[in-house]
PDB file of N, CA and C in Angstrom:
ATOM      1  N   MET A   1      -6.712 -27.273   7.853  1.00  0.00           N
ATOM      2  CA  MET A   1      -6.860 -25.921   6.799  1.00  0.00           C
ATOM      3  C   MET A   1      -6.713 -26.742   5.597  1.00  0.00           C
ATOM      4  N   SER A   2      -7.810 -26.432   4.702  1.00  0.00           N
ATOM      5  CA  SER A   2      -7.864 -26.849   3.155  1.00  0.00           C
ATOM      6  C   SER A   2      -6.988 -26.493   2.477  1.00  0.00           C
ATOM      7  N   SER A   3      -6.619 -27.223   1.358  1.00  0.00           N
ATOM      8  CA  SER A   3      -5.302 -26.988   0.539  1.00  0.00           C
ATOM      9  C   SER A   3      -5.767 -25.376  -0.821  1.00  0.00           C
ATOM     10  N   ASP A   4      -7.124 -25.430  -0.845  1.00  0.00           N
ATOM     11  CA  ASP A   4      -7.341 -24.052  -1.550  1.00  0.00           C
ATOM     12  C   ASP A   4      -7.449 -23.192  -1.028  1.00  0.00           C
ATOM     13  N   SER A   5      -7.393 -22.710   0.192  1.00  0.00           N
ATOM     14  CA  SER A   5      -7.182 -21.479   1.067  1.00  0.00           C
ATOM     15  C   SER A   5      -6.250 -20.695   1.032  1.00  0.00           C
ATOM     16  N   PRO A   6      -6.386 -19.424   1.093  1.00  0.00           N
ATOM     17  CA  PRO A   6      -5.058 -18.509   0.861  1.00  0.00           C
ATOM     18  C   PRO A   6      -4.110 -18.645   1.976  1.00  0.00           C
ATOM     19  N   PRO A   7      -2.918 -18.366   1.957  1.00  0.00           N
ATOM     20  CA  PRO A   7      -1.900 -18.773   2.832  1.00  0.00           C
ATOM     21  C   PRO A   7      -1.867 -17.596   3.896  1.00  0.00           C
ATOM     22  N   ASP A   8      -2.641 -16.579   3.825  1.00  0.00           N
ATOM     23  CA  ASP A   8      -2.796 -15.779   5.089  1.00  0.00           C
ATOM     24  C   ASP A   8      -3.802 -15.813   6.039  1.00  0.00           C
ATOM     25  N   PHE A   9      -4.699 -16.844   5.433  1.00  0.00           N
ATOM     26  CA  PHE A   9      -5.665 -16.992   6.599  1.00  0.00           C
ATOM     27  C   PHE A   9      -5.814 -18.610   6.818  1.00  0.00           C
ATOM     28  N   THR A  10      -6.318 -18.618   8.229  1.00  0.00           N
ATOM     29  CA  THR A  10      -6.452 -20.243   8.652  1.00  0.00           C
ATOM     30  C   THR A  10      -7.780 -20.288   8.974  1.00  0.00           C
ATOM     31  N   GLU A  11      -8.216 -21.494   9.036  1.00  0.00           N
ATOM     32  CA  GLU A  11      -9.817 -21.769   9.295  1.00  0.00           C
ATOM     33  C   GLU A  11     -10.078 -21.635  10.749  1.00  0.00           C
ATOM     34  N   GLY A  12     -11.141 -21.161  10.844  1.00  0.00           N
ATOM     35  CA  GLY A  12     -11.877 -20.617  12.361  1.00  0.00           C
ATOM     36  C   GLY A  12     -11.624 -19.002  12.237  1.00  0.00           C
ATOM     37  N   ALA A  13     -12.829 -18.457  12.795  1.00  0.00           N
ATOM     38  CA  ALA A  13     -13.176 -16.865  12.806  1.00  0.00           C
ATOM     39  C   ALA A  13     -12.197 -16.324  13.796  1.00  0.00           C
ATOM     40  N   SER A  14     -11.740 -16.860  14.944  1.00  0.00           N
ATOM     41  CA  SER A  14     -10.758 -15.949  15.441  1.00  0.00           C
ATOM     42  C   SER A  14      -9.369 -15.897  15.058  1.00  0.00           C
ATOM     43  N   ASN A  15      -8.893 -16.575  14.213  1.00  0.00           N
ATOM     44  CA  ASN A  15      -7.436 -16.698  13.664  1.00  0.00           C
ATOM     45  C   ASN A  15      -7.410 -15.768  12.462  1.00  0.00           C
ATOM     46  N   VAL A  16      -6.308 -14.972  12.548  1.00  0.00           N
ATOM     47  CA  VAL A  16      -6.218 -14.147  11.300  1.00  0.00           C
ATOM     48  C   VAL A  16      -4.519 -14.381  10.911  1.00  0.00           C
ATOM     49  N   GLY A  17      -4.424 -14.093   9.570  1.00  0.00           N
ATOM     50  CA  GLY A  17      -3.076 -14.549   9.501  1.00  0.00           C
ATOM     51  C   GLY A  17      -1.974 -13.213   9.616  1.00  0.00           C
ATOM     52  N   ALA A  18      -0.948 -13.710   9.329  1.00  0.00           N
ATOM     53  CA  ALA A  18       0.346 -12.692   9.689  1.00  0.00           C
ATOM     54  C   ALA A  18       0.418 -11.559   8.908  1.00  0.00           C
ATOM     55  N   LEU A  19      -0.058 -11.411   7.507  1.00  0.00           N
ATOM     56  CA  LEU A  19      -0.343 -10.245   6.774  1.00  0.00           C
ATOM     57  C   LEU A  19      -1.318  -9.571   7.108  1.00  0.00           C
ATOM     58  N   THR A  20      -2.483  -9.946   7.941  1.00  0.00           N
ATOM     59  CA  THR A  20      -3.387  -9.096   8.372  1.00  0.00           C
ATOM     60  C   THR A  20      -3.135  -8.694   9.773  1.00  0.00           C
ATOM     61  N   ARG A  21      -2.639  -9.288  10.407  1.00  0.00           N
ATOM     62  CA  ARG A  21      -1.751  -8.602  11.859  1.00  0.00           C
ATOM     63  C   ARG A  21      -1.040  -7.544  11.461  1.00  0.00           C
ATOM     64  N   LEU A  22      -0.109  -7.757  10.552  1.00  0.00           N
ATOM     65  CA  LEU A  22       0.782  -6.796   9.853  1.00  0.00           C
ATOM     66  C   LEU A  22       0.173  -5.290   9.690  1.00  0.00           C
ATOM     67  N   ASN A  23      -0.864  -5.448   8.591  1.00  0.00           N
ATOM     68  CA  ASN A  23      -1.647  -4.616   8.382  1.00  0.00           C
ATOM     69  C   ASN A  23      -2.332  -3.880   9.394  1.00  0.00           C
ATOM     70  N   VAL A  24      -2.853  -4.529  10.365  1.00  0.00           N
ATOM     71  CA  VAL A  24      -3.711  -3.938  11.432  1.00  0.00           C
ATOM     72  C   VAL A  24      -2.514  -2.960  12.264  1.00  0.00           C
ATOM     73  N   PHE A  25      -1.206  -3.872  12.653  1.00  0.00           N
ATOM     74  CA  PHE A  25      -0.279  -2.824  13.343  1.00  0.00           C
ATOM     75  C   PHE A  25      -0.101  -1.721  12.685  1.00  0.00           C
ATOM     76  N   SER A  26       0.440  -1.560  11.386  1.00  0.00           N
ATOM     77  CA  SER A  26       0.615  -0.787  10.295  1.00  0.00           C
ATOM     78  C   SER A  26      -0.637   0.404  10.405  1.00  0.00           C
ATOM     79  N   LEU A  27      -1.741  -0.033  10.282  1.00  0.00           N
ATOM     80  CA  LEU A  27      -2.823   0.852  10.360  1.00  0.00           C
ATOM     81  C   LEU A  27      -2.726   1.567  11.660  1.00  0.00           C
ATOM     82  N   LEU A  28      -2.597   1.052  12.674  1.00  0.00           N
ATOM     83  CA  LEU A  28      -2.602   1.327  14.123  1.00  0.00           C
ATOM     84  C   LEU A  28      -1.573   2.605  14.158  1.00  0.00           C
ATOM     85  N   ALA A  29      -0.421   2.100  13.648  1.00  0.00           N
ATOM     86  CA  ALA A  29       1.182   3.024  13.869  1.00  0.00           C
ATOM     87  C   ALA A  29       0.536   4.560  13.178  1.00  0.00           C
ATOM     88  N   GLN A  30       0.055   4.427  12.043  1.00  0.00           N
ATOM     89  CA  GLN A  30      -0.375   5.253  11.056  1.00  0.00           C
ATOM     90  C   GLN A  30      -1.179   6.150  11.764  1.00  0.00           C
ATOM     91  N   ALA A  31      -2.184   5.778  12.259  1.00  0.00           N
ATOM     92  CA  ALA A  31      -3.460   6.330  13.120  1.00  0.00           C
ATOM     93  C   ALA A  31      -2.769   6.893  14.243  1.00  0.00           C
ATOM     94  N   GLY A  32      -2.079   6.464  15.339  1.00  0.00           N
ATOM     95  CA  GLY A  32      -1.204   7.067  16.282  1.00  0.00           C
ATOM     96  C   GLY A  32      -0.531   8.460  15.762  1.00  0.00           C
ATOM     97  N   TYR A  33       0.209   8.163  14.519  1.00  0.00           N
ATOM     98  CA  TYR A  33       1.175   9.200  14.232  1.00  0.00           C
ATOM     99  C   TYR A  33       0.375  10.211  13.780  1.00  0.00           C
ATOM    100  N   ASN A  34      -0.784  10.281  12.983  1.00  0.00           N
ATOM    101  CA  ASN A  34      -1.869  11.234  12.536  1.00  0.00           C
ATOM    102  C   ASN A  34      -2.452  12.118  13.830  1.00  0.00           C
ATOM    103  N   LEU A  35      -3.037  11.109  15.055  1.00  0.00           N
ATOM    104  CA  LEU A  35      -3.690  11.613  15.914  1.00  0.00           C
ATOM    105  C   LEU A  35      -2.527  12.480  16.597  1.00  0.00           C
ATOM    106  N   LYS A  36      -1.277  12.307  16.576  1.00  0.00           N
ATOM    107  CA  LYS A  36      -0.012  13.133  17.334  1.00  0.00           C
ATOM    108  C   LYS A  36      -0.021  14.374  16.623  1.00  0.00           C
ATOM    109  N   GLU A  37       0.120  14.238  15.214  1.00  0.00           N
ATOM    110  CA  GLU A  37       0.309  15.567  14.679  1.00  0.00           C
ATOM    111  C   GLU A  37      -1.160  16.287  14.559  1.00  0.00           C
ATOM    112  N   GLY A  38      -2.121  15.884  15.231  1.00  0.00           N
ATOM    113  CA  GLY A  38      -3.519  16.600  15.189  1.00  0.00           C
ATOM    114  C   GLY A  38      -4.212  16.552  13.653  1.00  0.00           C
ATOM    115  N   ASN A  39      -4.201  15.299  13.071  1.00  0.00           N
ATOM    116  CA  ASN A  39      -5.026  15.081  11.744  1.00  0.00           C
ATOM    117  C   ASN A  39      -6.177  14.042  12.551  1.00  0.00           C
ATOM    118  N   THR A  40      -6.988  14.406  13.356  1.00  0.00           N
ATOM    119  CA  THR A  40      -7.959  13.672  13.913  1.00  0.00           C
ATOM    120  C   THR A  40      -8.621  12.959  12.594  1.00  0.00           C
ATOM    121  N   GLU A  41      -9.231  13.442  11.896  1.00  0.00           N
ATOM    122  CA  GLU A  41     -10.169  12.735  11.056  1.00  0.00           C
ATOM    123  C   GLU A  41      -9.493  11.741  10.061  1.00  0.00           C
ATOM    124  N   ARG A  42      -8.453  12.032   9.765  1.00  0.00           N
ATOM    125  CA  ARG A  42      -7.523  10.813   9.083  1.00  0.00           C
ATOM    126  C   ARG A  42      -7.023   9.645  10.127  1.00  0.00           C
ATOM    127  N   ALA A  43      -7.016  10.252  11.411  1.00  0.00           N
ATOM    128  CA  ALA A  43      -6.500   9.185  12.398  1.00  0.00           C
ATOM    129  C   ALA A  43      -7.733   7.999  12.375  1.00  0.00           C
ATOM    130  N   MET A  44      -9.021   8.895  12.640  1.00  0.00           N
ATOM    131  CA  MET A  44     -10.260   7.887  12.706  1.00  0.00           C
ATOM    132  C   MET A  44     -10.736   7.048  11.904  1.00  0.00           C
ATOM    133  N   LEU A  45     -10.485   7.616  10.525  1.00  0.00           N
ATOM    134  CA  LEU A  45     -10.523   6.559   9.454  1.00  0.00           C
ATOM    135  C   LEU A  45      -9.239   5.448   9.393  1.00  0.00           C
ATOM    136  N   LEU A  46      -8.196   5.766   9.944  1.00  0.00           N
ATOM    137  CA  LEU A  46      -7.231   4.842  10.005  1.00  0.00           C
ATOM    138  C   LEU A  46      -7.538   3.754  11.048  1.00  0.00           C
ATOM    139  N   PHE A  47      -7.925   4.275  12.244  1.00  0.00           N
ATOM    140  CA  PHE A  47      -8.407   3.494  13.323  1.00  0.00           C
ATOM    141  C   PHE A  47      -9.650   2.130  12.727  1.00  0.00           C
ATOM    142  N   GLY A  48     -10.563   3.133  12.045  1.00  0.00           N
ATOM    143  CA  GLY A  48     -11.615   2.536  11.392  1.00  0.00           C
ATOM    144  C   GLY A  48     -11.166   1.227  10.661  1.00  0.00           C
ATOM    145  N   ALA A  49     -10.388   1.656   9.716  1.00  0.00           N
ATOM    146  CA  ALA A  49      -9.772   0.909   8.734  1.00  0.00           C
ATOM    147  C   ALA A  49      -8.835  -0.400   9.601  1.00  0.00           C
ATOM    148  N   ALA A  50      -8.332  -0.345  10.453  1.00  0.00           N
ATOM    149  CA  ALA A  50      -7.476  -1.306  11.462  1.00  0.00           C
ATOM    150  C   ALA A  50      -8.852  -2.367  12.190  1.00  0.00           C
ATOM    151  N   ALA A  51     -10.007  -1.438  12.547  1.00  0.00           N
ATOM    152  CA  ALA A  51     -10.790  -2.296  13.151  1.00  0.00           C
ATOM    153  C   ALA A  51     -11.297  -3.506  12.171  1.00  0.00           C
ATOM    154  N   LEU A  52     -11.491  -2.886  10.920  1.00  0.00           N
ATOM    155  CA  LEU A  52     -12.198  -3.769   9.865  1.00  0.00           C
ATOM    156  C   LEU A  52     -11.288  -4.803   9.086  1.00  0.00           C
ATOM    157  N   ALA A  53     -10.006  -4.600   9.287  1.00  0.00           N
ATOM    158  CA  ALA A  53      -9.128  -5.470   8.695  1.00  0.00           C
ATOM    159  C   ALA A  53      -9.333  -6.946   8.828  1.00  0.00           C
ATOM    160  N   PRO A  54      -9.503  -7.427  10.131  1.00  0.00           N
ATOM    161  CA  PRO A  54      -9.326  -8.841  10.280  1.00  0.00           C
ATOM    162  C   PRO A  54     -10.622  -9.544   9.896  1.00  0.00           C
ATOM    163  N   HIS A  55     -11.995  -8.415   9.279  1.00  0.00           N
ATOM    164  CA  HIS A  55     -12.874  -8.842   9.004  1.00  0.00           C
ATOM    165  C   HIS A  55     -13.121  -8.741   7.396  1.00  0.00           C
ATOM    166  N   SER A  56     -12.482  -7.750   6.831  1.00  0.00           N
ATOM    167  CA  SER A  56     -12.610  -7.297   5.347  1.00  0.00           C
ATOM    168  C   SER A  56     -11.268  -6.576   5.329  1.00  0.00           C
ATOM    169  N   SER A  57     -10.283  -7.250   4.846  1.00  0.00           N
ATOM    170  CA  SER A  57      -9.232  -6.912   4.248  1.00  0.00           C
ATOM    171  C   SER A  57      -9.225  -5.804   3.156  1.00  0.00           C
ATOM    172  N   LYS A  58     -10.113  -6.559   1.705  1.00  0.00           N
ATOM    173  CA  LYS A  58     -10.394  -5.687   1.465  1.00  0.00           C
ATOM    174  C   LYS A  58     -10.524  -4.283   1.195  1.00  0.00           C
ATOM    175  N   LEU A  59     -11.650  -4.241   2.455  1.00  0.00           N
ATOM    176  CA  LEU A  59     -12.244  -2.777   2.525  1.00  0.00           C
ATOM    177  C   LEU A  59     -11.191  -1.711   3.370  1.00  0.00           C
ATOM    178  N   SER A  60     -10.102  -2.444   4.173  1.00  0.00           N
ATOM    179  CA  SER A  60      -9.079  -1.664   4.777  1.00  0.00           C
ATOM    180  C   SER A  60      -8.124  -1.158   3.797  1.00  0.00           C
ATOM    181  N   TYR A  61      -7.964  -2.019   2.616  1.00  0.00           N
ATOM    182  CA  TYR A  61      -6.981  -1.511   1.827  1.00  0.00           C
ATOM    183  C   TYR A  61      -7.437  -0.634   0.972  1.00  0.00           C
ATOM    184  N   ALA A  62      -8.807  -0.649   0.866  1.00  0.00           N
ATOM    185  CA  ALA A  62      -9.748   0.344   0.068  1.00  0.00           C
ATOM    186  C   ALA A  62      -9.587   1.829   0.763  1.00  0.00           C
ATOM    187  N   ILE A  63      -9.434   1.657   1.898  1.00  0.00           N
ATOM    188  CA  ILE A  63      -9.434   2.829   3.043  1.00  0.00           C
ATOM    189  C   ILE A  63      -8.207   3.500   2.610  1.00  0.00           C
ATOM    190  N   GLN A  64      -7.062   2.619   2.692  1.00  0.00           N
ATOM    191  CA  GLN A  64      -5.825   3.032   2.660  1.00  0.00           C
ATOM    192  C   GLN A  64      -5.510   3.548   1.468  1.00  0.00           C
ATOM    193  N   GLY A  65      -6.022   3.002   0.421  1.00  0.00           N
ATOM    194  CA  GLY A  65      -5.660   3.171  -1.086  1.00  0.00           C
ATOM    195  C   GLY A  65      -6.205   4.825  -1.379  1.00  0.00           C
ATOM    196  N   GLY A  66      -7.671   5.171  -0.830  1.00  0.00           N
ATOM    197  CA  GLY A  66      -8.133   6.141  -0.969  1.00  0.00           C
ATOM    198  C   GLY A  66      -7.300   7.373  -0.334  1.00  0.00           C
ATOM    199  N   LEU A  67      -6.829   7.128   1.185  1.00  0.00           N
ATOM    200  CA  LEU A  67      -5.984   8.095   1.586  1.00  0.00           C
ATOM    201  C   LEU A  67      -4.884   8.302   0.822  1.00  0.00           C
ATOM    202  N   ALA A  68      -4.144   7.385   0.015  1.00  0.00           N
ATOM    203  CA  ALA A  68      -3.038   7.635  -0.531  1.00  0.00           C
ATOM    204  C   ALA A  68      -3.367   8.157  -1.912  1.00  0.00           C
ATOM    205  N   ALA A  69      -4.226   8.130  -2.253  1.00  0.00           N
ATOM    206  CA  ALA A  69      -4.616   8.878  -3.558  1.00  0.00           C
ATOM    207  C   ALA A  69      -4.842  10.251  -3.155  1.00  0.00           C
ATOM    208  N   LYS A  70      -5.674  10.419  -2.268  1.00  0.00           N
ATOM    209  CA  LYS A  70      -5.890  11.959  -1.572  1.00  0.00           C
ATOM    210  C   LYS A  70      -4.607  12.440  -1.576  1.00  0.00           C
ATOM    211  N   ASP A  71      -3.417  11.919  -0.886  1.00  0.00           N
ATOM    212  CA  ASP A  71      -2.277  12.416  -0.985  1.00  0.00           C
ATOM    213  C   ASP A  71      -1.465  12.799  -2.169  1.00  0.00           C
ATOM    214  N   VAL A  72      -1.911  12.137  -2.979  1.00  0.00           N
ATOM    215  CA  VAL A  72      -1.041  12.059  -4.056  1.00  0.00           C
ATOM    216  C   VAL A  72      -1.919  13.298  -4.624  1.00  0.00           C
ATOM    217  N   LEU A  73      -2.920  13.419  -4.936  1.00  0.00           N
ATOM    218  CA  LEU A  73      -3.635  14.759  -5.556  1.00  0.00           C
ATOM    219  C   LEU A  73      -3.287  15.710  -5.138  1.00  0.00           C
ATOM    220  N   GLU A  74      -3.287  15.889  -3.666  1.00  0.00           N
ATOM    221  CA  GLU A  74      -2.927  17.269  -2.687  1.00  0.00           C
ATOM    222  C   GLU A  74      -1.449  17.586  -3.262  1.00  0.00           C
ATOM    223  N   LYS A  75      -0.708  16.548  -3.471  1.00  0.00           N
ATOM    224  CA  LYS A  75       1.021  17.006  -3.719  1.00  0.00           C
ATOM    225  C   LYS A  75       0.982  17.534  -5.089  1.00  0.00           C
ATOM    226  N   PHE A  76      -0.024  17.216  -6.188  1.00  0.00           N
ATOM    227  CA  PHE A  76      -0.036  17.480  -7.146  1.00  0.00           C
ATOM    228  C   PHE A  76      -0.678  19.004  -7.370  1.00  0.00           C
ATOM    229  N   THR A  77      -1.948  19.411  -6.607  1.00  0.00           N
ATOM    230  CA  THR A  77      -2.532  20.538  -6.881  1.00  0.00           C
ATOM    231  C   THR A  77      -1.812  21.638  -5.985  1.00  0.00           C
ATOM    232  N   ASP A  78      -0.975  21.215  -5.057  1.00  0.00           N
ATOM    233  CA  ASP A  78      -0.307  22.310  -4.302  1.00  0.00           C
ATOM    234  C   ASP A  78       1.215  22.829  -4.959  1.00  0.00           C
ATOM    235  N   VAL A  79       1.422  22.274  -6.169  1.00  0.00           N
ATOM    236  CA  VAL A  79       2.826  22.843  -6.676  1.00  0.00           C
ATOM    237  C   VAL A  79       2.791  24.430  -6.710  1.00  0.00           C
ATOM    238  N   PRO A  80       3.776  25.033  -6.293  1.00  0.00           N
ATOM    239  CA  PRO A  80       4.131  26.364  -6.359  1.00  0.00           C
ATOM    240  C   PRO A  80       4.146  27.081  -7.530  1.00  0.00           C
ATOM    241  N   GLU A  81       3.967  28.184  -7.862  1.00  0.00           N
ATOM    242  CA  GLU A  81       3.993  28.631  -9.225  1.00  0.00           C
ATOM    243  C   GLU A  81       5.819  28.517  -9.137  1.00  0.00           C
ATOM    244  N   PRO A  82       6.288  28.519 -10.700  1.00  0.00           N
ATOM    245  CA  PRO A  82       7.702  28.794 -10.723  1.00  0.00           C
ATOM    246  C   PRO A  82       8.019  30.746 -10.426  1.00  0.00           C
ATOM    247  N   SER A  83       9.362  30.499 -10.347  1.00  0.00           N
ATOM    248  CA  SER A  83      10.288  31.799  -9.917  1.00  0.00           C
ATOM    249  C   SER A  83      10.229  32.202 -11.198  1.00  0.00           C
ATOM    250  N   THR A  84      10.203  33.808 -11.026  1.00  0.00           N
ATOM    251  CA  THR A  84      10.535  34.373 -12.305  1.00  0.00           C
ATOM    252  C   THR A  84      11.785  34.875 -12.938  1.00  0.00           C
ATOM    253  N   GLY A  85      12.568  34.261 -11.513  1.00  0.00           N
ATOM    254  CA  GLY A  85      14.307  34.419 -12.288  1.00  0.00           C
ATOM    255  C   GLY A  85      14.999  35.490 -11.625  1.00  0.00           C
ATOM    256  N   GLY A  86      13.837  36.120 -10.480  1.00  0.00           N
ATOM    257  CA  GLY A  86      14.810  37.460 -10.214  1.00  0.00           C
ATOM    258  C   GLY A  86      14.513  38.724 -11.083  1.00  0.00           C
ATOM    259  N   THR A  87      13.603  38.455 -11.990  1.00  0.00           N
ATOM    260  CA  THR A  87      13.205  39.663 -12.686  1.00  0.00           C
ATOM    261  C   THR A  87      12.104  40.801 -12.021  1.00  0.00           C
ATOM    262  N   ASP A  88      11.877  40.477 -11.023  1.00  0.00           N
ATOM    263  CA  ASP A  88      10.792  41.458 -10.130  1.00  0.00           C
ATOM    264  C   ASP A  88      11.469  42.774  -9.849  1.00  0.00           C
ATOM    265  N   ILE A  89      10.993  43.885 -10.193  1.00  0.00           N
ATOM    266  CA  ILE A  89      11.654  45.258  -9.926  1.00  0.00           C
ATOM    267  C   ILE A  89      11.146  45.592  -8.779  1.00  0.00           C
ATOM    268  N   PRO A  90      11.630  45.945  -7.728  1.00  0.00           N
ATOM    269  CA  PRO A  90      10.616  46.464  -6.433  1.00  0.00           C
ATOM    270  C   PRO A  90      10.647  47.979  -7.146  1.00  0.00           C
ATOM    271  N   ILE A  91       9.104  48.435  -6.508  1.00  0.00           N
ATOM    272  CA  ILE A  91       8.704  49.789  -6.959  1.00  0.00           C
ATOM    273  C   ILE A  91       8.751  50.441  -5.719  1.00  0.00           C
ATOM    274  N   GLU A  92       9.455  51.650  -5.468  1.00  0.00           N
ATOM    275  CA  GLU A  92       9.236  52.359  -4.200  1.00  0.00           C
ATOM    276  C   GLU A  92       8.767  53.631  -4.395  1.00  0.00           C
TER     277      GLU A  92
END
């Protein structure tokens, strides 16, 4: 292993670093959870990111970041209207 290589990767195509293995495990766990919850589209994206992670960690992180950004945007757009404080008078 050369001294200028990052600590996450070792020389050789079949060896992946501990951080990469942890990322793959995390992606697979998230994909399994989403599949169980019925969100198959998100699960397939996460399975794909897990398959890509050992070869292109940047791309797998980009997929994760995109999904996280989508979640944040959905949280902001799904904000309920503030209540009127009980001033609604029912009309009979």
